[in-house]
PDB file of N, CA and C in Angstrom:
ATOM      1  N   MET A   1       0.828  -1.181   0.000  1.00  0.00           N
ATOM      2  CA  MET A   1       0.000   0.000   0.000  1.00  0.00           C
ATOM      3  C   MET A   1       0.873   1.245   0.000  1.00  0.00           C
ATOM      4  N   PRO A   2       0.963   1.948  -1.077  1.00  0.00           N
ATOM      5  CA  PRO A   2       1.814   3.128  -1.133  1.00  0.00           C
ATOM      6  C   PRO A   2       1.385   4.245  -0.199  1.00  0.00           C
ATOM      7  N   VAL A   3       0.123   4.316   0.144  1.00  0.00           N
ATOM      8  CA  VAL A   3      -0.366   5.385   1.008  1.00  0.00           C
ATOM      9  C   VAL A   3       0.205   5.245   2.415  1.00  0.00           C
ATOM     10  N   LEU A   4       0.458   4.024   2.859  1.00  0.00           N
ATOM     11  CA  LEU A   4       0.925   3.775   4.218  1.00  0.00           C
ATOM     12  C   LEU A   4       2.433   3.553   4.308  1.00  0.00           C
ATOM     13  N   ASP A   5       3.169   3.800   3.238  1.00  0.00           N
ATOM     14  CA  ASP A   5       4.613   3.561   3.253  1.00  0.00           C
ATOM     15  C   ASP A   5       5.340   4.402   4.293  1.00  0.00           C
ATOM     16  N   ASP A   6       4.829   5.555   4.600  1.00  0.00           N
ATOM     17  CA  ASP A   6       5.487   6.472   5.535  1.00  0.00           C
ATOM     18  C   ASP A   6       5.108   6.194   6.989  1.00  0.00           C
ATOM     19  N   TYR A   7       4.288   5.186   7.244  1.00  0.00           N
ATOM     20  CA  TYR A   7       3.811   4.895   8.590  1.00  0.00           C
ATOM     21  C   TYR A   7       4.357   3.572   9.099  1.00  0.00           C
ATOM     22  N   LEU A   8       4.523   3.504  10.408  1.00  0.00           N
ATOM     23  CA  LEU A   8       4.974   2.283  11.059  1.00  0.00           C
ATOM     24  C   LEU A   8       3.918   1.806  12.044  1.00  0.00           C
ATOM     25  N   SER A   9       3.872   0.502  12.240  1.00  0.00           N
ATOM     26  CA  SER A   9       2.960  -0.076  13.225  1.00  0.00           C
ATOM     27  C   SER A   9       3.607  -0.009  14.606  1.00  0.00           C
ATOM     28  N   ILE A  10       2.854  -0.385  15.616  1.00  0.00           N
ATOM     29  CA  ILE A  10       3.355  -0.435  16.987  1.00  0.00           C
ATOM     30  C   ILE A  10       4.551  -1.379  17.078  1.00  0.00           C
ATOM     31  N   VAL A  11       4.449  -2.547  16.457  1.00  0.00           N
ATOM     32  CA  VAL A  11       5.519  -3.549  16.517  1.00  0.00           C
ATOM     33  C   VAL A  11       6.789  -3.021  15.844  1.00  0.00           C
ATOM     34  N   GLU A  12       6.637  -2.395  14.692  1.00  0.00           N
ATOM     35  CA  GLU A  12       7.796  -1.832  13.991  1.00  0.00           C
ATOM     36  C   GLU A  12       8.429  -0.701  14.800  1.00  0.00           C
ATOM     37  N   ALA A  13       7.602   0.148  15.391  1.00  0.00           N
ATOM     38  CA  ALA A  13       8.109   1.249  16.208  1.00  0.00           C
ATOM     39  C   ALA A  13       8.840   0.719  17.436  1.00  0.00           C
ATOM     40  N   ALA A  14       8.318  -0.344  18.032  1.00  0.00           N
ATOM     41  CA  ALA A  14       8.959  -0.949  19.196  1.00  0.00           C
ATOM     42  C   ALA A  14      10.346  -1.478  18.839  1.00  0.00           C
ATOM     43  N   GLN A  15      10.483  -2.049  17.662  1.00  0.00           N
ATOM     44  CA  GLN A  15      11.788  -2.547  17.220  1.00  0.00           C
ATOM     45  C   GLN A  15      12.770  -1.395  17.041  1.00  0.00           C
ATOM     46  N   VAL A  16      12.310  -0.288  16.490  1.00  0.00           N
ATOM     47  CA  VAL A  16      13.183   0.881  16.290  1.00  0.00           C
ATOM     48  C   VAL A  16      13.645   1.431  17.638  1.00  0.00           C
ATOM     49  N   LEU A  17      12.717   1.519  18.607  1.00  0.00           N
ATOM     50  CA  LEU A  17      13.041   2.091  19.915  1.00  0.00           C
ATOM     51  C   LEU A  17      13.716   1.089  20.847  1.00  0.00           C
ATOM     52  N   GLY A  18      13.602  -0.203  20.541  1.00  0.00           N
ATOM     53  CA  GLY A  18      14.183  -1.234  21.400  1.00  0.00           C
ATOM     54  C   GLY A  18      13.400  -1.439  22.680  1.00  0.00           C
ATOM     55  N   VAL A  19      12.076  -1.293  22.582  1.00  0.00           N
ATOM     56  CA  VAL A  19      11.204  -1.470  23.748  1.00  0.00           C
ATOM     57  C   VAL A  19      10.071  -2.436  23.400  1.00  0.00           C
ATOM     58  N   HIS A  20       9.274  -2.774  24.378  1.00  0.00           N
ATOM     59  CA  HIS A  20       8.127  -3.658  24.195  1.00  0.00           C
ATOM     60  C   HIS A  20       7.009  -2.904  23.469  1.00  0.00           C
ATOM     61  N   PRO A  21       6.253  -3.595  22.605  1.00  0.00           N
ATOM     62  CA  PRO A  21       5.135  -2.926  21.917  1.00  0.00           C
ATOM     63  C   PRO A  21       4.143  -2.260  22.871  1.00  0.00           C
ATOM     64  N   GLY A  22       3.948  -2.831  24.040  1.00  0.00           N
ATOM     65  CA  GLY A  22       3.048  -2.223  25.029  1.00  0.00           C
ATOM     66  C   GLY A  22       3.537  -0.855  25.472  1.00  0.00           C
ATOM     67  N   THR A  23       4.842  -0.678  25.517  1.00  0.00           N
ATOM     68  CA  THR A  23       5.426   0.618  25.875  1.00  0.00           C
ATOM     69  C   THR A  23       5.098   1.654  24.809  1.00  0.00           C
ATOM     70  N   VAL A  24       5.188   1.253  23.552  1.00  0.00           N
ATOM     71  CA  VAL A  24       4.875   2.178  22.453  1.00  0.00           C
ATOM     72  C   VAL A  24       3.393   2.545  22.494  1.00  0.00           C
ATOM     73  N   LYS A  25       2.530   1.571  22.752  1.00  0.00           N
ATOM     74  CA  LYS A  25       1.092   1.870  22.868  1.00  0.00           C
ATOM     75  C   LYS A  25       0.842   2.885  23.966  1.00  0.00           C
ATOM     76  N   ARG A  26       1.500   2.704  25.107  1.00  0.00           N
ATOM     77  CA  ARG A  26       1.325   3.620  26.226  1.00  0.00           C
ATOM     78  C   ARG A  26       1.806   5.022  25.866  1.00  0.00           C
ATOM     79  N   LEU A  27       2.945   5.112  25.178  1.00  0.00           N
ATOM     80  CA  LEU A  27       3.454   6.416  24.749  1.00  0.00           C
ATOM     81  C   LEU A  27       2.461   7.103  23.812  1.00  0.00           C
ATOM     82  N   CYS A  28       1.833   6.344  22.935  1.00  0.00           N
ATOM     83  CA  CYS A  28       0.835   6.906  22.009  1.00  0.00           C
ATOM     84  C   CYS A  28      -0.413   7.341  22.760  1.00  0.00           C
ATOM     85  N   ARG A  29      -0.901   6.479  23.647  1.00  0.00           N
ATOM     86  CA  ARG A  29      -2.106   6.797  24.429  1.00  0.00           C
ATOM     87  C   ARG A  29      -1.911   8.043  25.270  1.00  0.00           C
ATOM     88  N   ASN A  30      -0.718   8.184  25.872  1.00  0.00           N
ATOM     89  CA  ASN A  30      -0.441   9.323  26.751  1.00  0.00           C
ATOM     90  C   ASN A  30      -0.083  10.593  25.993  1.00  0.00           C
ATOM     91  N   GLY A  31       0.021  10.494  24.672  1.00  0.00           N
ATOM     92  CA  GLY A  31       0.323  11.667  23.858  1.00  0.00           C
ATOM     93  C   GLY A  31       1.799  12.029  23.818  1.00  0.00           C
ATOM     94  N   LYS A  32       2.661  11.174  24.340  1.00  0.00           N
ATOM     95  CA  LYS A  32       4.093  11.464  24.325  1.00  0.00           C
ATOM     96  C   LYS A  32       4.704  11.167  22.961  1.00  0.00           C
ATOM     97  N   LEU A  33       4.102  10.243  22.228  1.00  0.00           N
ATOM     98  CA  LEU A  33       4.527   9.914  20.872  1.00  0.00           C
ATOM     99  C   LEU A  33       3.346  10.184  19.953  1.00  0.00           C
ATOM    100  N   GLU A  34       3.513  11.116  19.034  1.00  0.00           N
ATOM    101  CA  GLU A  34       2.429  11.494  18.133  1.00  0.00           C
ATOM    102  C   GLU A  34       2.091  10.324  17.209  1.00  0.00           C
ATOM    103  N   ALA A  35       0.838   9.916  17.213  1.00  0.00           N
ATOM    104  CA  ALA A  35       0.381   8.793  16.398  1.00  0.00           C
ATOM    105  C   ALA A  35      -1.092   8.987  16.063  1.00  0.00           C
ATOM    106  N   THR A  36      -1.546   8.224  15.086  1.00  0.00           N
ATOM    107  CA  THR A  36      -2.942   8.258  14.667  1.00  0.00           C
ATOM    108  C   THR A  36      -3.548   6.900  14.923  1.00  0.00           C
ATOM    109  N   LYS A  37      -4.707   6.885  15.562  1.00  0.00           N
ATOM    110  CA  LYS A  37      -5.378   5.615  15.812  1.00  0.00           C
ATOM    111  C   LYS A  37      -6.384   5.381  14.694  1.00  0.00           C
ATOM    112  N   VAL A  38      -6.232   4.256  14.012  1.00  0.00           N
ATOM    113  CA  VAL A  38      -7.129   3.859  12.936  1.00  0.00           C
ATOM    114  C   VAL A  38      -7.757   2.540  13.353  1.00  0.00           C
ATOM    115  N   TYR A  39      -9.053   2.589  13.610  1.00  0.00           N
ATOM    116  CA  TYR A  39      -9.777   1.445  14.154  1.00  0.00           C
ATOM    117  C   TYR A  39      -9.096   0.992  15.428  1.00  0.00           C
ATOM    118  N   ASN A  40      -8.453  -0.167  15.436  1.00  0.00           N
ATOM    119  CA  ASN A  40      -7.847  -0.673  16.662  1.00  0.00           C
ATOM    120  C   ASN A  40      -6.315  -0.667  16.584  1.00  0.00           C
ATOM    121  N   ALA A  41      -5.753   0.101  15.673  1.00  0.00           N
ATOM    122  CA  ALA A  41      -4.304   0.106  15.484  1.00  0.00           C
ATOM    123  C   ALA A  41      -3.765   1.536  15.518  1.00  0.00           C
ATOM    124  N   TRP A  42      -2.567   1.678  16.046  1.00  0.00           N
ATOM    125  CA  TRP A  42      -1.882   2.953  16.034  1.00  0.00           C
ATOM    126  C   TRP A  42      -0.941   2.989  14.846  1.00  0.00           C
ATOM    127  N   LEU A  43      -0.893   4.116  14.152  1.00  0.00           N
ATOM    128  CA  LEU A  43       0.038   4.317  13.051  1.00  0.00           C
ATOM    129  C   LEU A  43       0.912   5.521  13.382  1.00  0.00           C
ATOM    130  N   ILE A  44       2.221   5.342  13.206  1.00  0.00           N
ATOM    131  CA  ILE A  44       3.182   6.367  13.576  1.00  0.00           C
ATOM    132  C   ILE A  44       3.991   6.742  12.340  1.00  0.00           C
ATOM    133  N   ARG A  45       4.068   8.023  12.034  1.00  0.00           N
ATOM    134  CA  ARG A  45       4.871   8.477  10.892  1.00  0.00           C
ATOM    135  C   ARG A  45       6.339   8.156  11.157  1.00  0.00           C
ATOM    136  N   SER A  46       7.003   7.701  10.138  1.00  0.00           N
ATOM    137  CA  SER A  46       8.407   7.311  10.242  1.00  0.00           C
ATOM    138  C   SER A  46       9.269   8.478  10.730  1.00  0.00           C
ATOM    139  N   GLY A  47       9.097   9.649  10.149  1.00  0.00           N
ATOM    140  CA  GLY A  47       9.875  10.820  10.549  1.00  0.00           C
ATOM    141  C   GLY A  47       9.629  11.212  11.995  1.00  0.00           C
ATOM    142  N   THR A  48       8.372  11.131  12.427  1.00  0.00           N
ATOM    143  CA  THR A  48       8.019  11.447  13.799  1.00  0.00           C
ATOM    144  C   THR A  48       8.704  10.486  14.764  1.00  0.00           C
ATOM    145  N   LEU A  49       8.693   9.206  14.417  1.00  0.00           N
ATOM    146  CA  LEU A  49       9.313   8.199  15.283  1.00  0.00           C
ATOM    147  C   LEU A  49      10.813   8.422  15.385  1.00  0.00           C
ATOM    148  N   HIS A  50      11.461   8.693  14.276  1.00  0.00           N
ATOM    149  CA  HIS A  50      12.909   8.874  14.306  1.00  0.00           C
ATOM    150  C   HIS A  50      13.303  10.136  15.079  1.00  0.00           C
ATOM    151  N   SER A  51      12.505  11.185  15.006  1.00  0.00           N
ATOM    152  CA  SER A  51      12.752  12.382  15.809  1.00  0.00           C
ATOM    153  C   SER A  51      12.559  12.077  17.292  1.00  0.00           C
ATOM    154  N   PHE A  52      11.507  11.327  17.600  1.00  0.00           N
ATOM    155  CA  PHE A  52      11.227  10.928  18.977  1.00  0.00           C
ATOM    156  C   PHE A  52      12.350  10.052  19.516  1.00  0.00           C
ATOM    157  N   ALA A  53      12.844   9.132  18.692  1.00  0.00           N
ATOM    158  CA  ALA A  53      13.881   8.181  19.116  1.00  0.00           C
ATOM    159  C   ALA A  53      15.173   8.891  19.512  1.00  0.00           C
ATOM    160  N   LYS A  54      15.476  10.002  18.869  1.00  0.00           N
ATOM    161  CA  LYS A  54      16.696  10.739  19.193  1.00  0.00           C
ATOM    162  C   LYS A  54      16.670  11.281  20.616  1.00  0.00           C
ATOM    163  N   ALA A  55      15.487  11.677  21.078  1.00  0.00           N
ATOM    164  CA  ALA A  55      15.354  12.278  22.403  1.00  0.00           C
ATOM    165  C   ALA A  55      14.866  11.294  23.462  1.00  0.00           C
ATOM    166  N   TYR A  56      14.400  10.128  23.063  1.00  0.00           N
ATOM    167  CA  TYR A  56      13.790   9.176  24.002  1.00  0.00           C
ATOM    168  C   TYR A  56      14.840   8.500  24.860  1.00  0.00           C
ATOM    169  N   LYS A  57      14.625   8.550  26.155  1.00  0.00           N
ATOM    170  CA  LYS A  57      15.479   7.853  27.095  1.00  0.00           C
ATOM    171  C   LYS A  57      14.577   6.956  27.928  1.00  0.00           C
ATOM    172  N   GLY A  58      14.271   5.807  27.384  1.00  0.00           N
ATOM    173  CA  GLY A  58      13.382   4.877  28.065  1.00  0.00           C
ATOM    174  C   GLY A  58      14.013   4.329  29.328  1.00  0.00           C
ATOM    175  N   ARG A  59      13.224   4.239  30.345  1.00  0.00           N
ATOM    176  CA  ARG A  59      13.679   3.681  31.612  1.00  0.00           C
ATOM    177  C   ARG A  59      12.868   2.437  31.897  1.00  0.00           C
ATOM    178  N   ARG A  60      13.511   1.461  32.448  1.00  0.00           N
ATOM    179  CA  ARG A  60      12.833   0.213  32.774  1.00  0.00           C
ATOM    180  C   ARG A  60      12.371   0.250  34.224  1.00  0.00           C
ATOM    181  N   GLY A  61      11.263  -0.413  34.500  1.00  0.00           N
ATOM    182  CA  GLY A  61      10.775  -0.533  35.870  1.00  0.00           C
ATOM    183  C   GLY A  61       9.946   0.647  36.316  1.00  0.00           C
ATOM    184  N   ARG A  62       9.574   0.576  37.566  1.00  0.00           N
ATOM    185  CA  ARG A  62       8.747   1.632  38.151  1.00  0.00           C
ATOM    186  C   ARG A  62       9.588   2.850  38.501  1.00  0.00           C
ATOM    187  N   PRO A  63       8.956   4.018  38.500  1.00  0.00           N
ATOM    188  CA  PRO A  63       9.684   5.209  38.918  1.00  0.00           C
ATOM    189  C   PRO A  63      10.068   5.096  40.393  1.00  0.00           C
ATOM    190  N   SER A  64      11.153   5.714  40.742  1.00  0.00           N
ATOM    191  CA  SER A  64      11.626   5.695  42.117  1.00  0.00           C
ATOM    192  C   SER A  64      10.628   6.415  43.018  1.00  0.00           C
ATOM    193  N   ALA A  65      10.384   5.846  44.194  1.00  0.00           N
ATOM    194  CA  ALA A  65       9.473   6.455  45.154  1.00  0.00           C
ATOM    195  C   ALA A  65      10.174   7.552  45.949  1.00  0.00           C
ATOM    196  N   LYS A  66      11.489   7.599  45.867  1.00  0.00           N
ATOM    197  CA  LYS A  66      12.247   8.607  46.594  1.00  0.00           C
ATOM    198  C   LYS A  66      12.048   9.970  45.956  1.00  0.00           C
ATOM    199  N   THR A  67      11.959  10.984  46.786  1.00  0.00           N
ATOM    200  CA  THR A  67      11.874  12.346  46.278  1.00  0.00           C
ATOM    201  C   THR A  67      13.257  12.967  46.333  1.00  0.00           C
ATOM    202  N   HIS A  68      13.621  13.707  45.335  1.00  0.00           N
ATOM    203  CA  HIS A  68      14.909  14.357  45.282  1.00  0.00           C
ATOM    204  C   HIS A  68      14.793  15.739  45.900  1.00  0.00           C
ATOM    205  N   GLN A  69      15.679  16.029  46.817  1.00  0.00           N
ATOM    206  CA  GLN A  69      15.628  17.329  47.485  1.00  0.00           C
ATOM    207  C   GLN A  69      16.845  18.130  47.183  1.00  0.00           C
TER     208      GLN A  69
END
């Protein structure tokens, strides 16, 4: 489909970022990664993902409960 050549799926985006697909879905849902939801799938522009990937510093696990003073 030539119309969708510039878009990546959640799974493809997860491979680019090196994270779990669920993480990419959460980033899209929370508005941190610009994406378009079509029916039950998220589509992410390739350029948008690569710009996001440059600045993304994914952290594993839960956030620290300690407060920094």
